[in-house]
């Protein structure tokens, strides 16, 4: 009975944690002026999906195990993006061209157009670090933890 009860509240709990995570990202952006790069923005989308999946898992008991498993997939997705982003920040590999990478302009006019169209924030420069980890690094750890919790909850939801 206790496993069933905890599985019932896993969806809304994970949705709430996702909302808090998104809220923290918005506070960092608008409250502290940490402008996100393209990869930072991509890391937010799975949390928005997780909020919806978590609420659906709460309201649709027959689909709860599947929805909790999909929640784990959403968290694993943002953890994967964060891992890639952390690697770019640490110079382990190159970032995306859309993240302020090198250019291919061959004329002065093409160079001007490229500079004007370049993103304001580079993906390979961490805007903030805490205990040696960038926000992407912390997101990778947090999202990985949430993915494990969602998987464990999905397993509990499958037990009769």
Protein backbone atom coordinates (compact mmCIF):
# COMPACT_ATOMS: atom_id res chain seq x y z
CA UNK A 1 0.00 0.00 0.00
CA UNK A 2 2.81 2.43 0.85
CA UNK A 3 4.54 1.79 -2.51
CA UNK A 4 1.25 2.51 -4.28
CA UNK A 5 0.74 5.71 -2.28
CA UNK A 6 4.25 6.99 -3.00
CA UNK A 7 3.80 6.24 -6.71
CA UNK A 8 0.58 8.30 -6.71
CA UNK A 9 2.43 11.38 -5.50
CA UNK A 10 5.60 10.82 -7.51
CA UNK A 11 4.16 12.56 -10.57
CA UNK A 12 3.13 15.80 -8.86
CA UNK A 13 6.30 15.79 -6.74
CA UNK A 14 8.49 15.50 -9.84
CA UNK A 15 6.36 18.13 -11.59
CA UNK A 16 6.87 20.47 -8.64
CA UNK A 17 10.63 19.85 -8.63
CA UNK A 18 10.68 20.56 -12.36
CA UNK A 19 8.77 23.82 -11.84
CA UNK A 20 11.18 24.83 -9.08
CA UNK A 21 14.13 24.05 -11.36
CA UNK A 22 12.67 26.16 -14.16
CA UNK A 23 11.91 28.90 -11.65
CA UNK A 24 15.53 28.87 -10.50
CA UNK A 25 16.67 29.20 -14.12
CA UNK A 26 14.38 32.19 -14.64
CA UNK A 27 15.56 33.80 -11.39
CA UNK A 28 19.17 33.36 -12.54
CA UNK A 29 18.27 34.90 -15.89
CA UNK A 30 16.00 37.77 -14.88
CA UNK A 31 16.99 38.30 -11.27
CA UNK A 32 20.75 37.97 -11.58
CA UNK A 33 21.24 38.87 -15.24
CA UNK A 34 22.75 35.53 -16.30
CA UNK A 35 21.73 35.46 -19.96
CA UNK A 36 21.31 31.86 -21.16
CA UNK A 37 23.00 30.49 -24.25
CA UNK A 38 21.27 28.25 -26.78
CA UNK A 39 22.20 25.04 -24.92
CA UNK A 40 20.92 26.52 -21.65
CA UNK A 41 17.58 27.19 -23.29
CA UNK A 42 17.41 23.66 -24.71
CA UNK A 43 17.95 22.26 -21.21
CA UNK A 44 14.76 23.96 -20.03
CA UNK A 45 12.34 22.32 -22.46
CA UNK A 46 12.44 18.81 -20.94
CA UNK A 47 11.51 20.33 -17.57
CA UNK A 48 8.42 21.91 -19.12
CA UNK A 49 7.51 18.51 -20.59
CA UNK A 50 8.17 16.92 -17.18
CA UNK A 51 5.67 19.25 -15.51
CA UNK A 52 2.97 18.12 -17.91
CA UNK A 53 3.91 14.43 -17.61
CA UNK A 54 4.03 14.62 -13.83
CA UNK A 55 0.56 16.11 -13.62
CA UNK A 56 -0.79 13.56 -16.08
CA UNK A 57 0.78 10.75 -14.03
CA UNK A 58 -1.14 12.03 -11.03
CA UNK A 59 -4.48 12.24 -12.84
CA UNK A 60 -4.22 9.10 -15.02
CA UNK A 61 -3.53 6.16 -12.69
CA UNK A 62 -3.73 3.49 -15.41
CA UNK A 63 -1.03 5.26 -17.43
CA UNK A 64 1.08 6.18 -14.39
CA UNK A 65 3.92 3.68 -14.92
CA UNK A 66 4.36 4.74 -18.55
CA UNK A 67 4.12 8.43 -17.72
CA UNK A 68 6.69 8.10 -14.94
CA UNK A 69 8.99 6.25 -17.33
CA UNK A 70 8.53 9.09 -19.84
CA UNK A 71 9.37 11.52 -17.03
CA UNK A 72 12.64 9.65 -16.54
CA UNK A 73 13.29 9.99 -20.27
CA UNK A 74 12.64 13.75 -20.11
CA UNK A 75 15.08 14.11 -17.22
CA UNK A 76 17.66 11.93 -19.00
CA UNK A 77 17.28 14.16 -22.07
CA UNK A 78 18.06 17.35 -20.18
CA UNK A 79 20.90 15.57 -18.37
CA UNK A 80 22.32 14.56 -21.77
CA UNK A 81 22.09 18.12 -23.10
CA UNK A 82 23.70 19.36 -19.88
CA UNK A 83 26.51 16.79 -20.23
CA UNK A 84 27.16 18.00 -23.76
CA UNK A 85 27.04 21.62 -22.57
CA UNK A 86 29.44 20.89 -19.71
CA UNK A 87 31.84 19.27 -22.16
CA UNK A 88 31.69 22.34 -24.38
CA UNK A 89 32.37 24.62 -21.39
CA UNK A 90 35.30 22.45 -20.28
CA UNK A 91 36.68 22.42 -23.87
CA UNK A 92 36.37 18.62 -24.05
CA UNK A 93 34.68 18.95 -27.44
CA UNK A 94 33.49 21.65 -29.80
CA UNK A 95 30.10 23.25 -29.38
CA UNK A 96 27.48 23.85 -31.99
CA UNK A 97 27.93 26.38 -34.76
CA UNK A 98 24.86 28.22 -33.42
CA UNK A 99 26.61 28.69 -30.06
CA UNK A 100 29.00 31.36 -31.27
CA UNK A 101 31.53 29.10 -32.92
CA UNK A 102 33.89 30.11 -35.70
CA UNK A 103 32.72 31.65 -38.91
CA UNK A 104 33.10 31.03 -42.60
CA UNK A 105 32.77 34.57 -43.96
CA UNK A 106 34.85 35.29 -47.05
CA UNK A 107 33.93 38.94 -47.61
CA UNK A 108 33.70 41.96 -45.37
CA UNK A 109 29.93 42.16 -45.91
CA UNK A 110 29.51 38.47 -45.08
CA UNK A 111 31.61 38.93 -41.95
CA UNK A 112 29.47 41.91 -40.91
CA UNK A 113 26.27 39.91 -41.41
CA UNK A 114 27.75 37.00 -39.48
CA UNK A 115 28.79 39.19 -36.54
CA UNK A 116 25.38 40.87 -36.38
CA UNK A 117 23.62 37.49 -36.46
CA UNK A 118 25.92 35.89 -33.87
CA UNK A 119 24.41 34.87 -30.53
CA UNK A 120 25.08 37.21 -27.65
CA UNK A 121 26.07 34.45 -25.22
CA UNK A 122 28.62 31.78 -26.06
CA UNK A 123 27.96 28.18 -25.02
CA UNK A 124 31.61 27.52 -24.22
CA UNK A 125 31.83 30.13 -21.45
CA UNK A 126 30.17 29.36 -18.12
CA UNK A 127 28.32 32.39 -16.81
CA UNK A 128 28.50 31.16 -13.21
CA UNK A 129 30.28 28.42 -11.28
CA UNK A 130 29.59 27.05 -7.81
CA UNK A 131 32.01 24.58 -6.21
CA UNK A 132 33.76 24.24 -9.56
CA UNK A 133 30.66 23.25 -11.53
CA UNK A 134 28.79 25.44 -13.98
CA UNK A 135 25.03 25.64 -14.01
CA UNK A 136 25.07 23.04 -16.80
CA UNK A 137 27.14 20.71 -14.62
CA UNK A 138 24.76 21.09 -11.70
CA UNK A 139 21.81 20.56 -14.01
CA UNK A 140 23.39 17.34 -15.28
CA UNK A 141 23.66 16.00 -11.72
CA UNK A 142 20.19 17.20 -10.69
CA UNK A 143 18.46 15.89 -13.80
CA UNK A 144 20.23 12.54 -13.43
CA UNK A 145 18.97 12.26 -9.86
CA UNK A 146 15.43 13.12 -10.99
CA UNK A 147 15.67 10.52 -13.77
CA UNK A 148 16.59 7.83 -11.23
CA UNK A 149 13.74 8.91 -8.93
CA UNK A 150 11.28 8.81 -11.83
CA UNK A 151 12.45 5.32 -12.84
CA UNK A 152 12.14 4.04 -9.29
CA UNK A 153 8.68 5.56 -9.08
CA UNK A 154 7.68 3.93 -12.37
CA UNK A 155 8.81 0.59 -10.97
CA UNK A 156 6.77 1.15 -7.80
CA UNK A 157 3.74 2.14 -9.85
CA UNK A 158 3.88 -1.20 -11.68
CA UNK A 159 3.71 -3.25 -8.50
CA UNK A 160 0.15 -4.28 -7.55
